Amino acid sequence: MKGALAAGVLLIVAAGFMAGLRSPSPTPERKQTLTIAAASDLKFALDEFLVEFRARHPGAAIQVTYGSSGNFLAQISNGAPFDVFLSADVAYPRKLAEQGLVDEKEPVFLYAVGRIVVWVPKGSPLAVESLGMEALREPAAKRIAIANPQHAPYGRAAEAALKSSGVYDAVKDRLVLGENIAQTAQFVQSGSADAGIIALALALAPAMKGQGRYWEVPLEAYPRMEQGGALLKRAAAPELARQFRDELLGTQGRALLQRYGFSLPGE
């Protein structure tokens, strides 16, 4: 009887040991995902910035959507799940703050001042370097691309510059509207437009730098383009969002933005 009892105990111990061997390993910790809504003028600068940011935060997944700031305002107001909003017009994140959609502990911040240029393909007959905005009066400028002023800050800046330079009435019927400033640049880069008023940041990007010529529109020709951002109240990764903002506004981030033609707040 004692032998049978001892054998039973051994079987129970052995079964427990084997069950321990078969028990699943702990579930690996899920990656934090940072979702960013960014104005399309940031496309190349931010992509470059994120190479090093990802290297410094290997446990994070970063997802960026580029588009027009006005459209993002509408999407976020209607519940779009972004952690960070980087707008080409600081007025938009301020509107979100008024709606109670920005993290109350984190104020709206300025990160850059945008600038615009008149850009033409390399082989264009338009002498933008010497004529500036007046080159758009030429017959060769049959189609002139600008971003849609209805929801794109760069479109409003382009329209204001055309009016202040006195050429708007001469060219208004030749304007082709892009959904955002990146699509506007694509129109003129691909030949769908003969000239475009685009962000200096895009003109300086490697994808466009060697393909065209540009003239920088004087800053006094259009309202100052203060670009701002916000950390959103619904953020799924608030701490990672803060780290992203702090690094973008840090020494390396500011130097990168300057390299892409942005002025910095306070300059």
C-alpha atoms as a PDB file:
ATOM      1  CA  MET A   1       0.000   0.000   0.000  1.00  0.00           C
ATOM      2  CA  LYS A   2       2.794   2.354   0.939  1.00  0.00           C
ATOM      3  CA  GLY A   3       4.575   1.492  -2.343  1.00  0.00           C
ATOM      4  CA  ALA A   4       1.479   2.309  -4.377  1.00  0.00           C
ATOM      5  CA  LEU A   5       1.087   5.653  -2.587  1.00  0.00           C
ATOM      6  CA  ALA A   6       4.723   6.575  -3.210  1.00  0.00           C
ATOM      7  CA  ALA A   7       4.387   5.678  -6.896  1.00  0.00           C
ATOM      8  CA  GLY A   8       1.300   7.899  -7.170  1.00  0.00           C
ATOM      9  CA  VAL A   9       3.124  10.840  -5.629  1.00  0.00           C
ATOM     10  CA  LEU A  10       5.996  10.400  -8.070  1.00  0.00           C
ATOM     11  CA  LEU A  11       3.567  10.386 -11.015  1.00  0.00           C
ATOM     12  CA  ILE A  12       1.956  13.626  -9.804  1.00  0.00           C
ATOM     13  CA  VAL A  13       5.338  15.321  -9.383  1.00  0.00           C
ATOM     14  CA  ALA A  14       6.471  14.131 -12.803  1.00  0.00           C
ATOM     15  CA  ALA A  15       3.245  15.357 -14.424  1.00  0.00           C
ATOM     16  CA  GLY A  16       3.663  18.769 -12.795  1.00  0.00           C
ATOM     17  CA  PHE A  17       7.256  18.991 -13.996  1.00  0.00           C
ATOM     18  CA  MET A  18       6.274  18.136 -17.585  1.00  0.00           C
ATOM     19  CA  ALA A  19       3.441  20.667 -17.469  1.00  0.00           C
ATOM     20  CA  GLY A  20       5.950  23.283 -16.392  1.00  0.00           C
ATOM     21  CA  LEU A  21       8.092  22.471 -19.391  1.00  0.00           C
ATOM     22  CA  ARG A  22       5.096  22.843 -21.691  1.00  0.00           C
ATOM     23  CA  SER A  23       3.834  26.131 -20.183  1.00  0.00           C
ATOM     24  CA  PRO A  24       3.925  29.003 -22.664  1.00  0.00           C
ATOM     25  CA  SER A  25       6.679  31.575 -22.398  1.00  0.00           C
ATOM     26  CA  PRO A  26       5.673  35.051 -21.191  1.00  0.00           C
ATOM     27  CA  THR A  27       3.994  37.130 -23.894  1.00  0.00           C
ATOM     28  CA  PRO A  28       6.504  39.630 -25.292  1.00  0.00           C
ATOM     29  CA  GLU A  29       5.728  43.234 -24.445  1.00  0.00           C
ATOM     30  CA  ARG A  30       3.835  44.977 -27.249  1.00  0.00           C
ATOM     31  CA  LYS A  31       5.615  47.784 -29.063  1.00  0.00           C
ATOM     32  CA  GLN A  32       4.429  51.293 -28.345  1.00  0.00           C
ATOM     33  CA  THR A  33       3.022  52.896 -31.478  1.00  0.00           C
ATOM     34  CA  LEU A  34       3.384  56.637 -32.028  1.00  0.00           C
ATOM     35  CA  THR A  35       1.007  58.060 -34.643  1.00  0.00           C
ATOM     36  CA  ILE A  36       1.833  61.458 -36.140  1.00  0.00           C
ATOM     37  CA  ALA A  37      -0.280  63.678 -38.396  1.00  0.00           C
ATOM     38  CA  ALA A  38       2.178  65.973 -40.188  1.00  0.00           C
ATOM     39  CA  ALA A  39       1.895  68.778 -42.711  1.00  0.00           C
ATOM     40  CA  SER A  40       3.217  67.549 -46.054  1.00  0.00           C
ATOM     41  CA  ASP A  41       5.953  70.222 -46.250  1.00  0.00           C
ATOM     42  CA  LEU A  42       7.672  68.188 -43.498  1.00  0.00           C
ATOM     43  CA  LYS A  43       7.821  64.996 -45.586  1.00  0.00           C
ATOM     44  CA  PHE A  44      11.558  64.877 -46.294  1.00  0.00           C
ATOM     45  CA  ALA A  45      12.818  66.647 -43.169  1.00  0.00           C
ATOM     46  CA  LEU A  46      10.716  64.521 -40.825  1.00  0.00           C
ATOM     47  CA  ASP A  47      11.543  61.271 -42.622  1.00  0.00           C
ATOM     48  CA  GLU A  48      15.222  62.039 -42.077  1.00  0.00           C
ATOM     49  CA  PHE A  49      14.666  63.003 -38.441  1.00  0.00           C
ATOM     50  CA  LEU A  50      12.807  59.767 -37.768  1.00  0.00           C
ATOM     51  CA  VAL A  51      15.704  57.594 -38.933  1.00  0.00           C
ATOM     52  CA  GLU A  52      17.676  58.558 -35.826  1.00  0.00           C
ATOM     53  CA  PHE A  53      14.602  58.809 -33.593  1.00  0.00           C
ATOM     54  CA  ARG A  54      13.719  55.188 -34.400  1.00  0.00           C
ATOM     55  CA  ALA A  55      17.301  54.149 -33.685  1.00  0.00           C
ATOM     56  CA  ARG A  56      17.114  55.842 -30.268  1.00  0.00           C
ATOM     57  CA  HIS A  57      13.726  54.224 -29.540  1.00  0.00           C
ATOM     58  CA  PRO A  58      13.995  50.670 -30.935  1.00  0.00           C
ATOM     59  CA  GLY A  59      10.990  49.531 -28.918  1.00  0.00           C
ATOM     60  CA  ALA A  60       8.641  51.946 -30.664  1.00  0.00           C
ATOM     61  CA  ALA A  61       6.720  51.789 -33.922  1.00  0.00           C
ATOM     62  CA  ILE A  62       6.340  55.192 -35.598  1.00  0.00           C
ATOM     63  CA  GLN A  63       3.546  55.828 -38.076  1.00  0.00           C
ATOM     64  CA  VAL A  64       3.379  59.161 -39.945  1.00  0.00           C
ATOM     65  CA  THR A  65       0.558  60.390 -42.159  1.00  0.00           C
ATOM     66  CA  TYR A  66       1.304  63.439 -44.329  1.00  0.00           C
ATOM     67  CA  GLY A  67      -1.402  65.738 -45.640  1.00  0.00           C
ATOM     68  CA  SER A  68      -2.949  69.188 -45.503  1.00  0.00           C
ATOM     69  CA  SER A  69      -3.193  70.770 -42.070  1.00  0.00           C
ATOM     70  CA  GLY A  70      -6.809  71.850 -42.564  1.00  0.00           C
ATOM     71  CA  ASN A  71      -7.896  68.307 -43.380  1.00  0.00           C
ATOM     72  CA  PHE A  72      -6.092  67.008 -40.297  1.00  0.00           C
ATOM     73  CA  LEU A  73      -7.902  69.598 -38.182  1.00  0.00           C
ATOM     74  CA  ALA A  74     -11.225  68.215 -39.377  1.00  0.00           C
ATOM     75  CA  GLN A  75     -10.156  64.583 -38.915  1.00  0.00           C
ATOM     76  CA  ILE A  76      -8.825  65.084 -35.379  1.00  0.00           C
ATOM     77  CA  SER A  77     -11.921  67.094 -34.427  1.00  0.00           C
ATOM     78  CA  ASN A  78     -13.971  64.075 -35.541  1.00  0.00           C
ATOM     79  CA  GLY A  79     -11.975  61.583 -33.476  1.00  0.00           C
ATOM     80  CA  ALA A  80      -9.016  60.519 -35.663  1.00  0.00           C
ATOM     81  CA  PRO A  81      -6.617  58.659 -33.329  1.00  0.00           C
ATOM     82  CA  PHE A  82      -3.335  60.590 -33.591  1.00  0.00           C
ATOM     83  CA  ASP A  83      -0.810  61.162 -30.813  1.00  0.00           C
ATOM     84  CA  VAL A  84       0.917  64.224 -32.319  1.00  0.00           C
ATOM     85  CA  PHE A  85      -0.209  66.894 -34.772  1.00  0.00           C
ATOM     86  CA  LEU A  86       2.418  68.941 -36.641  1.00  0.00           C
ATOM     87  CA  SER A  87       0.624  71.691 -38.558  1.00  0.00           C
ATOM     88  CA  ALA A  88       1.824  74.146 -41.184  1.00  0.00           C
ATOM     89  CA  ASP A  89      -0.266  76.762 -39.364  1.00  0.00           C
ATOM     90  CA  VAL A  90      -0.152  77.041 -35.570  1.00  0.00           C
ATOM     91  CA  ALA A  91      -3.751  78.302 -35.641  1.00  0.00           C
ATOM     92  CA  TYR A  92      -4.992  74.741 -36.248  1.00  0.00           C
ATOM     93  CA  PRO A  93      -3.528  73.086 -33.121  1.00  0.00           C
ATOM     94  CA  ARG A  94      -4.715  76.143 -31.176  1.00  0.00           C
ATOM     95  CA  LYS A  95      -8.251  75.451 -32.428  1.00  0.00           C
ATOM     96  CA  LEU A  96      -7.917  71.871 -31.190  1.00  0.00           C
ATOM     97  CA  ALA A  97      -6.820  73.205 -27.807  1.00  0.00           C
ATOM     98  CA  GLU A  98      -9.962  75.367 -27.709  1.00  0.00           C
ATOM     99  CA  GLN A  99     -11.996  72.210 -28.381  1.00  0.00           C
ATOM    100  CA  GLY A 100     -10.339  70.451 -25.431  1.00  0.00           C
ATOM    101  CA  LEU A 101      -8.552  67.928 -27.672  1.00  0.00           C
ATOM    102  CA  VAL A 102      -4.972  68.835 -26.669  1.00  0.00           C
ATOM    103  CA  ASP A 103      -3.214  67.458 -23.577  1.00  0.00           C
ATOM    104  CA  GLU A 104      -3.856  70.155 -20.949  1.00  0.00           C
ATOM    105  CA  LYS A 105      -0.422  69.596 -19.380  1.00  0.00           C
ATOM    106  CA  GLU A 106       1.364  70.230 -22.688  1.00  0.00           C
ATOM    107  CA  PRO A 107       0.860  73.600 -24.418  1.00  0.00           C
ATOM    108  CA  VAL A 108       0.742  74.081 -28.171  1.00  0.00           C
ATOM    109  CA  PHE A 109       4.313  74.594 -29.397  1.00  0.00           C
ATOM    110  CA  LEU A 110       6.002  76.349 -32.323  1.00  0.00           C
ATOM    111  CA  TYR A 111       8.607  74.356 -34.232  1.00  0.00           C
ATOM    112  CA  ALA A 112       9.350  76.294 -37.445  1.00  0.00           C
ATOM    113  CA  VAL A 113       8.504  79.156 -39.775  1.00  0.00           C
ATOM    114  CA  GLY A 114       7.716  78.110 -43.343  1.00  0.00           C
ATOM    115  CA  ARG A 115       8.912  79.812 -46.533  1.00  0.00           C
ATOM    116  CA  ILE A 116       7.711  79.598 -50.136  1.00  0.00           C
ATOM    117  CA  VAL A 117       9.422  79.654 -53.525  1.00  0.00           C
ATOM    118  CA  VAL A 118       8.444  79.791 -57.183  1.00  0.00           C
ATOM    119  CA  TRP A 119       9.771  76.520 -58.619  1.00  0.00           C
ATOM    120  CA  VAL A 120      10.176  75.462 -62.258  1.00  0.00           C
ATOM    121  CA  PRO A 121      11.707  72.353 -63.864  1.00  0.00           C
ATOM    122  CA  LYS A 122      15.365  72.616 -64.842  1.00  0.00           C
ATOM    123  CA  GLY A 123      14.688  72.998 -68.581  1.00  0.00           C
ATOM    124  CA  SER A 124      11.890  75.547 -68.208  1.00  0.00           C
ATOM    125  CA  PRO A 125      12.113  78.733 -70.336  1.00  0.00           C
ATOM    126  CA  LEU A 126      10.764  80.718 -67.365  1.00  0.00           C
ATOM    127  CA  ALA A 127      13.521  82.922 -65.929  1.00  0.00           C
ATOM    128  CA  VAL A 128      12.355  82.796 -62.327  1.00  0.00           C
ATOM    129  CA  GLU A 129      15.799  83.642 -60.929  1.00  0.00           C
ATOM    130  CA  SER A 130      15.773  87.086 -62.576  1.00  0.00           C
ATOM    131  CA  LEU A 131      12.050  87.807 -62.963  1.00  0.00           C
ATOM    132  CA  GLY A 132      10.725  86.302 -59.749  1.00  0.00           C
ATOM    133  CA  MET A 133       6.939  86.291 -59.525  1.00  0.00           C
ATOM    134  CA  GLU A 134       6.728  88.281 -62.776  1.00  0.00           C
ATOM    135  CA  ALA A 135       7.887  85.161 -64.641  1.00  0.00           C
ATOM    136  CA  LEU A 136       4.433  83.706 -64.061  1.00  0.00           C
ATOM    137  CA  ARG A 137       2.961  86.264 -66.473  1.00  0.00           C
ATOM    138  CA  GLU A 138       4.891  84.647 -69.344  1.00  0.00           C
ATOM    139  CA  PRO A 139       2.887  82.617 -71.917  1.00  0.00           C
ATOM    140  CA  ALA A 140       5.052  79.584 -71.095  1.00  0.00           C
ATOM    141  CA  ALA A 141       3.441  79.458 -67.632  1.00  0.00           C
ATOM    142  CA  LYS A 142       0.224  77.886 -68.905  1.00  0.00           C
ATOM    143  CA  ARG A 143      -0.510  76.011 -65.670  1.00  0.00           C
ATOM    144  CA  ILE A 144       0.657  77.229 -62.257  1.00  0.00           C
ATOM    145  CA  ALA A 145       0.335  74.903 -59.292  1.00  0.00           C
ATOM    146  CA  ILE A 146      -0.450  76.084 -55.776  1.00  0.00           C
ATOM    147  CA  ALA A 147      -1.907  74.204 -52.809  1.00  0.00           C
ATOM    148  CA  ASN A 148      -5.622  74.611 -52.218  1.00  0.00           C
ATOM    149  CA  PRO A 149      -6.034  77.779 -50.095  1.00  0.00           C
ATOM    150  CA  GLN A 150      -9.247  76.350 -48.609  1.00  0.00           C
ATOM    151  CA  HIS A 151      -7.373  73.975 -46.304  1.00  0.00           C
ATOM    152  CA  ALA A 152      -3.625  74.231 -47.016  1.00  0.00           C
ATOM    153  CA  PRO A 153      -1.653  77.022 -45.289  1.00  0.00           C
ATOM    154  CA  TYR A 154       0.910  77.009 -48.097  1.00  0.00           C
ATOM    155  CA  GLY A 155      -1.909  77.613 -50.568  1.00  0.00           C
ATOM    156  CA  ARG A 156      -3.028  80.662 -48.609  1.00  0.00           C
ATOM    157  CA  ALA A 157       0.555  81.928 -48.524  1.00  0.00           C
ATOM    158  CA  ALA A 158       0.891  81.418 -52.293  1.00  0.00           C
ATOM    159  CA  GLU A 159      -2.371  83.224 -53.000  1.00  0.00           C
ATOM    160  CA  ALA A 160      -1.352  86.123 -50.732  1.00  0.00           C
ATOM    161  CA  ALA A 161       2.043  86.381 -52.462  1.00  0.00           C
ATOM    162  CA  LEU A 162       0.428  86.430 -55.913  1.00  0.00           C
ATOM    163  CA  LYS A 163      -1.899  89.227 -54.809  1.00  0.00           C
ATOM    164  CA  SER A 164       0.741  91.317 -53.047  1.00  0.00           C
ATOM    165  CA  SER A 165       3.009  91.114 -56.094  1.00  0.00           C
ATOM    166  CA  GLY A 166       0.185  92.246 -58.383  1.00  0.00           C
ATOM    167  CA  VAL A 167       0.127  89.198 -60.655  1.00  0.00           C
ATOM    168  CA  TYR A 168      -2.878  87.338 -59.236  1.00  0.00           C
ATOM    169  CA  ASP A 169      -5.470  88.723 -61.681  1.00  0.00           C
ATOM    170  CA  ALA A 170      -3.210  87.863 -64.634  1.00  0.00           C
ATOM    171  CA  VAL A 171      -2.729  84.221 -63.577  1.00  0.00           C
ATOM    172  CA  LYS A 172      -5.816  83.244 -61.552  1.00  0.00           C
ATOM    173  CA  ASP A 173      -7.387  81.356 -64.478  1.00  0.00           C
ATOM    174  CA  ARG A 174      -4.198  79.295 -64.886  1.00  0.00           C
ATOM    175  CA  LEU A 175      -3.980  78.081 -61.298  1.00  0.00           C
ATOM    176  CA  VAL A 176      -4.019  74.330 -60.637  1.00  0.00           C
ATOM    177  CA  LEU A 177      -4.819  73.405 -57.042  1.00  0.00           C
ATOM    178  CA  GLY A 178      -3.047  70.584 -55.214  1.00  0.00           C
ATOM    179  CA  GLU A 179      -4.688  68.828 -52.271  1.00  0.00           C
ATOM    180  CA  ASN A 180      -1.601  69.673 -50.208  1.00  0.00           C
ATOM    181  CA  ILE A 181       1.834  71.179 -50.810  1.00  0.00           C
ATOM    182  CA  ALA A 182       3.444  67.803 -51.586  1.00  0.00           C
ATOM    183  CA  GLN A 183       0.910  67.103 -54.346  1.00  0.00           C
ATOM    184  CA  THR A 184       1.435  70.657 -55.610  1.00  0.00           C
ATOM    185  CA  ALA A 185       5.161  70.004 -55.921  1.00  0.00           C
ATOM    186  CA  GLN A 186       4.428  66.718 -57.683  1.00  0.00           C
ATOM    187  CA  PHE A 187       2.277  68.524 -60.266  1.00  0.00           C
ATOM    188  CA  VAL A 188       5.120  70.763 -61.382  1.00  0.00           C
ATOM    189  CA  GLN A 189       7.837  68.111 -60.942  1.00  0.00           C
ATOM    190  CA  SER A 190       5.947  65.691 -63.210  1.00  0.00           C
ATOM    191  CA  GLY A 191       5.178  68.310 -65.872  1.00  0.00           C
ATOM    192  CA  SER A 192       1.450  68.520 -65.106  1.00  0.00           C
ATOM    193  CA  ALA A 193       2.099  72.202 -64.334  1.00  0.00           C
ATOM    194  CA  ASP A 194       4.698  74.581 -65.789  1.00  0.00           C
ATOM    195  CA  ALA A 195       5.500  76.320 -62.518  1.00  0.00           C
ATOM    196  CA  GLY A 196       4.514  76.040 -58.894  1.00  0.00           C
ATOM    197  CA  ILE A 197       4.622  77.962 -55.643  1.00  0.00           C
ATOM    198  CA  ILE A 198       5.842  75.376 -53.155  1.00  0.00           C
ATOM    199  CA  ALA A 199       7.549  75.059 -49.778  1.00  0.00           C
ATOM    200  CA  LEU A 200      11.253  75.866 -49.712  1.00  0.00           C
ATOM    201  CA  ALA A 201      11.648  72.677 -47.654  1.00  0.00           C
ATOM    202  CA  LEU A 202      10.472  70.617 -50.640  1.00  0.00           C
ATOM    203  CA  ALA A 203      12.627  72.536 -53.130  1.00  0.00           C
ATOM    204  CA  LEU A 204      15.682  71.714 -50.999  1.00  0.00           C
ATOM    205  CA  ALA A 205      14.810  68.022 -50.606  1.00  0.00           C
ATOM    206  CA  PRO A 206      17.064  65.544 -52.451  1.00  0.00           C
ATOM    207  CA  ALA A 207      14.125  64.351 -54.583  1.00  0.00           C
ATOM    208  CA  MET A 208      13.674  67.833 -56.127  1.00  0.00           C
ATOM    209  CA  LYS A 209      16.919  69.711 -55.549  1.00  0.00           C
ATOM    210  CA  GLY A 210      18.615  68.689 -58.800  1.00  0.00           C
ATOM    211  CA  GLN A 211      15.495  68.721 -60.933  1.00  0.00           C
ATOM    212  CA  GLY A 212      14.571  72.380 -60.943  1.00  0.00           C
ATOM    213  CA  ARG A 213      15.297  76.046 -60.270  1.00  0.00           C
ATOM    214  CA  TYR A 214      13.583  78.365 -57.827  1.00  0.00           C
ATOM    215  CA  TRP A 215      13.216  81.921 -56.607  1.00  0.00           C
ATOM    216  CA  GLU A 216      12.483  82.523 -52.955  1.00  0.00           C
ATOM    217  CA  VAL A 217       9.446  84.721 -52.368  1.00  0.00           C
ATOM    218  CA  PRO A 218      10.282  87.604 -49.981  1.00  0.00           C
ATOM    219  CA  LEU A 219       8.906  87.038 -46.494  1.00  0.00           C
ATOM    220  CA  GLU A 220       7.074  90.351 -46.538  1.00  0.00           C
ATOM    221  CA  ALA A 221       4.993  89.198 -49.545  1.00  0.00           C
ATOM    222  CA  TYR A 222       2.812  86.858 -47.469  1.00  0.00           C
ATOM    223  CA  PRO A 223       1.718  86.455 -43.831  1.00  0.00           C
ATOM    224  CA  ARG A 224       4.302  84.886 -41.546  1.00  0.00           C
ATOM    225  CA  MET A 225       3.850  81.095 -41.608  1.00  0.00           C
ATOM    226  CA  GLU A 226       4.303  80.023 -38.004  1.00  0.00           C
ATOM    227  CA  GLN A 227       4.156  76.247 -37.887  1.00  0.00           C
ATOM    228  CA  GLY A 228       3.065  74.630 -34.653  1.00  0.00           C
ATOM    229  CA  GLY A 229       2.174  71.331 -33.081  1.00  0.00           C
ATOM    230  CA  ALA A 230       0.320  69.714 -30.234  1.00  0.00           C
ATOM    231  CA  LEU A 231       0.273  66.519 -28.186  1.00  0.00           C
ATOM    232  CA  LEU A 232      -3.256  65.234 -28.406  1.00  0.00           C
ATOM    233  CA  LYS A 233      -5.466  64.300 -25.490  1.00  0.00           C
ATOM    234  CA  ARG A 234      -6.382  60.904 -26.937  1.00  0.00           C
ATOM    235  CA  ALA A 235      -2.724  59.909 -27.378  1.00  0.00           C
ATOM    236  CA  ALA A 236      -2.153  56.184 -26.912  1.00  0.00           C
ATOM    237  CA  ALA A 237       1.576  56.764 -26.244  1.00  0.00           C
ATOM    238  CA  PRO A 238       1.745  60.126 -24.403  1.00  0.00           C
ATOM    239  CA  GLU A 239       5.247  59.679 -22.978  1.00  0.00           C
ATOM    240  CA  LEU A 240       6.684  58.706 -26.370  1.00  0.00           C
ATOM    241  CA  ALA A 241       4.877  61.708 -27.884  1.00  0.00           C
ATOM    242  CA  ARG A 242       6.607  63.996 -25.362  1.00  0.00           C
ATOM    243  CA  GLN A 243       9.993  62.486 -26.177  1.00  0.00           C
ATOM    244  CA  PHE A 244       9.341  63.016 -29.905  1.00  0.00           C
ATOM    245  CA  ARG A 245       8.398  66.662 -29.361  1.00  0.00           C
ATOM    246  CA  ASP A 246      11.382  67.333 -27.098  1.00  0.00           C
ATOM    247  CA  GLU A 247      13.836  65.824 -29.573  1.00  0.00           C
ATOM    248  CA  LEU A 248      12.293  67.663 -32.533  1.00  0.00           C
ATOM    249  CA  LEU A 249      12.666  70.944 -30.620  1.00  0.00           C
ATOM    250  CA  GLY A 250      16.161  70.004 -29.445  1.00  0.00           C
ATOM    251  CA  THR A 251      19.486  71.003 -30.967  1.00  0.00           C
ATOM    252  CA  GLN A 252      19.604  68.265 -33.616  1.00  0.00           C
ATOM    253  CA  GLY A 253      15.973  68.685 -34.644  1.00  0.00           C
ATOM    254  CA  ARG A 254      16.305  72.453 -35.003  1.00  0.00           C
ATOM    255  CA  ALA A 255      19.493  72.101 -37.058  1.00  0.00           C
ATOM    256  CA  LEU A 256      17.756  69.633 -39.394  1.00  0.00           C
ATOM    257  CA  LEU A 257      14.777  71.954 -39.899  1.00  0.00           C
ATOM    258  CA  GLN A 258      17.131  74.822 -40.719  1.00  0.00           C
ATOM    259  CA  ARG A 259      18.931  72.655 -43.264  1.00  0.00           C
ATOM    260  CA  TYR A 260      15.620  72.109 -45.011  1.00  0.00           C
ATOM    261  CA  GLY A 261      15.020  75.853 -45.286  1.00  0.00           C
ATOM    262  CA  PHE A 262      12.787  76.455 -42.305  1.00  0.00           C
ATOM    263  CA  SER A 263      13.361  79.487 -40.129  1.00  0.00           C
ATOM    264  CA  LEU A 264      13.105  78.899 -36.394  1.00  0.00           C
ATOM    265  CA  PRO A 265      10.635  80.583 -34.030  1.00  0.00           C
ATOM    266  CA  GLY A 266      12.134  83.765 -32.624  1.00  0.00           C
ATOM    267  CA  GLU A 267      14.390  84.407 -35.613  1.00  0.00           C
END
